[in-house]
Protein backbone atom coordinates (compact mmCIF):
# COMPACT_ATOMS: atom_id res chain seq x y z
CA MET A 1 0.00 0.00 0.00
CA ALA A 2 2.86 2.36 0.78
CA GLU A 3 3.88 2.08 -2.88
CA GLN A 4 0.66 3.91 -3.86
CA GLY A 5 1.10 6.65 -1.26
CA ILE A 6 -1.79 5.40 0.90
CA SER A 7 -1.07 5.09 4.59
CA LEU A 8 -3.08 3.65 7.44
CA GLY A 9 -3.60 7.15 8.82
CA LYS A 10 -5.00 8.43 5.54
CA VAL A 11 -7.41 5.51 5.27
CA ALA A 12 -8.58 6.02 8.84
CA ALA A 13 -9.05 9.75 8.29
CA ALA A 14 -11.04 9.05 5.12
CA PHE A 15 -13.38 6.68 6.98
CA VAL A 16 -13.95 9.11 9.82
CA LEU A 17 -14.51 11.99 7.44
CA GLY A 18 -16.92 9.89 5.37
CA GLY A 19 -18.84 8.94 8.50
CA LEU A 20 -19.11 12.54 9.62
CA VAL A 21 -20.24 13.78 6.21
CA GLY A 22 -22.79 10.97 6.00
CA ALA A 23 -24.09 11.77 9.46
CA GLY A 24 -24.35 15.46 8.63
CA LEU A 25 -26.27 14.75 5.45
CA ALA A 26 -28.57 12.44 7.36
CA LEU A 27 -29.33 15.27 9.80
CA LEU A 28 -30.11 17.69 7.03
CA PHE A 29 -32.39 15.46 5.03
CA ALA A 30 -34.04 13.22 7.62
CA PRO A 31 -37.31 14.47 9.06
CA ALA A 32 -36.92 13.21 12.60
CA SER A 33 -36.94 14.44 16.18
CA GLY A 34 -33.75 15.49 17.93
CA GLU A 35 -33.68 12.30 19.98
CA GLU A 36 -34.01 10.16 16.84
CA VAL A 37 -31.29 12.17 15.09
CA ARG A 38 -28.94 11.78 18.05
CA GLU A 39 -29.60 8.05 18.13
CA ARG A 40 -28.96 7.76 14.39
CA LEU A 41 -25.75 9.76 14.75
CA ARG A 42 -24.63 7.56 17.62
CA SER A 43 -25.46 4.46 15.60
CA LYS A 44 -23.69 5.74 12.48
CA GLY A 45 -20.68 6.72 14.58
CA GLU A 46 -20.50 3.22 16.05
CA GLU A 47 -20.88 1.67 12.60
CA THR A 48 -18.16 3.91 11.25
CA ARG A 49 -15.88 3.04 14.18
CA GLU A 50 -16.51 -0.67 13.64
CA ARG A 51 -15.77 -0.41 9.92
CA LEU A 52 -12.62 1.53 10.75
CA ARG A 53 -11.54 -1.20 13.17
CA GLU A 54 -12.20 -3.86 10.52
CA LYS A 55 -10.30 -1.96 7.85
CA THR A 56 -7.46 -1.25 10.27
CA GLY A 57 -7.27 -4.96 11.06
CA GLU A 58 -7.32 -5.82 7.37
CA LEU A 59 -4.59 -3.28 6.66
CA ARG A 60 -2.46 -4.63 9.49
CA MET A 61 -2.87 -8.18 8.19
CA ARG A 62 -1.96 -7.04 4.68
CA ALA A 63 1.06 -5.15 5.99
CA GLU A 64 2.18 -8.26 7.90
CA GLU A 65 1.75 -10.40 4.78
CA LEU A 66 3.82 -7.93 2.77
CA ARG A 67 6.49 -7.87 5.47
CA GLU A 68 6.65 -11.67 5.49
CA ARG A 69 6.88 -11.78 1.70
CA ALA A 70 9.65 -9.18 1.78
CA GLU A 71 11.56 -11.23 4.36
CA GLU A 72 11.14 -14.37 2.27
CA LEU A 73 12.32 -12.56 -0.85
CA LYS A 74 15.28 -11.11 1.03
CA SER A 75 16.20 -14.59 2.26
CA ARG A 76 15.99 -16.04 -1.26
CA ILE A 77 18.11 -13.23 -2.68
CA LEU A 78 20.76 -13.63 0.02
CA SER A 79 20.80 -17.39 -0.51
CA GLY A 80 21.23 -16.92 -4.26
CA ALA A 81 23.98 -14.38 -3.71
CA GLU A 82 25.84 -16.81 -1.42
CA GLU A 83 25.53 -19.54 -4.03
CA ILE A 84 26.86 -17.25 -6.76
CA LYS A 85 29.68 -16.12 -4.48
CA GLY A 86 30.61 -19.76 -3.81
CA ARG A 87 30.66 -20.59 -7.51
CA GLY A 88 32.73 -17.47 -8.20
CA ILE A 89 35.29 -18.46 -5.58
CA GLU A 90 35.49 -21.99 -7.03
CA THR A 91 35.99 -20.56 -10.52
CA LEU A 92 38.73 -18.22 -9.31
CA GLU A 93 40.50 -21.04 -7.47
CA GLU A 94 40.38 -23.23 -10.59
CA ALA A 95 41.70 -20.37 -12.74
CA LYS A 96 44.51 -19.77 -10.22
CA ARG A 97 45.43 -23.46 -10.25
CA VAL A 98 45.52 -23.55 -14.07
CA LEU A 99 47.63 -20.39 -14.17
CA GLU A 100 50.10 -21.76 -11.60
CA GLU A 101 50.43 -24.97 -13.63
CA ALA A 102 51.02 -22.93 -16.79
CA ILE A 103 53.71 -20.87 -15.04
CA GLU A 104 55.44 -24.02 -13.79
CA ALA A 105 55.27 -25.57 -17.27
CA GLY A 106 56.75 -22.36 -18.72
CA LYS A 107 59.58 -22.38 -16.16
CA GLU A 108 60.33 -26.03 -16.93
CA ALA A 109 60.34 -25.37 -20.69
CA MET A 110 62.65 -22.38 -20.18
CA ARG A 111 65.02 -24.46 -18.02
CA ARG A 112 65.22 -27.19 -20.73
CA GLU A 113 65.85 -24.60 -23.44
CA LYS A 114 68.54 -23.01 -21.29
CA GLU A 115 70.22 -26.44 -20.85
CA LYS A 116 70.04 -27.09 -24.61
CA LEU A 117 71.58 -23.70 -25.37
CA ALA A 118 74.31 -24.27 -22.74
CA GLN A 119 75.15 -27.70 -24.27
CA LYS A 120 75.14 -26.25 -27.79
CA LEU A 121 77.43 -23.45 -26.65
CA LYS A 122 79.82 -25.95 -25.03
CA ARG A 123 79.89 -28.02 -28.23
CA GLU A 124 80.60 -24.96 -30.35
CA GLU A 125 83.36 -23.87 -27.95
CA ALA A 126 84.83 -27.38 -27.99
CA ALA A 127 84.64 -27.48 -31.79
CA GLY A 128 86.23 -24.02 -32.02
CA ALA A 129 89.05 -24.99 -29.64
CA ALA A 130 89.85 -28.16 -31.54
């Protein structure tokens, strides 16, 4: 309800105002004695109060339902975020492992190439000295 700019106070004020306007119109247009008019006003006031209580109760129940739905939605969103976070961490760890393996493979390949070049250099030096 808050999304539409309608608050519990506004609804209550509208009911009370409607009851008062209705009672005033009843006084103006009803040909009755003062005692009858007072009784009608009292009765209408009680009816208006009862309707206001009912509507207030309904609004409270609706507000509670909305709060519960919001809590449930919040819980589902947080749960989904945790799941995504977990998958992201797993993906990063896997990428880190693959990268570390690639670095080690590169170091090993560089060491072998260095040994080959050192052996080739020794052979060329030995051939040049002979």
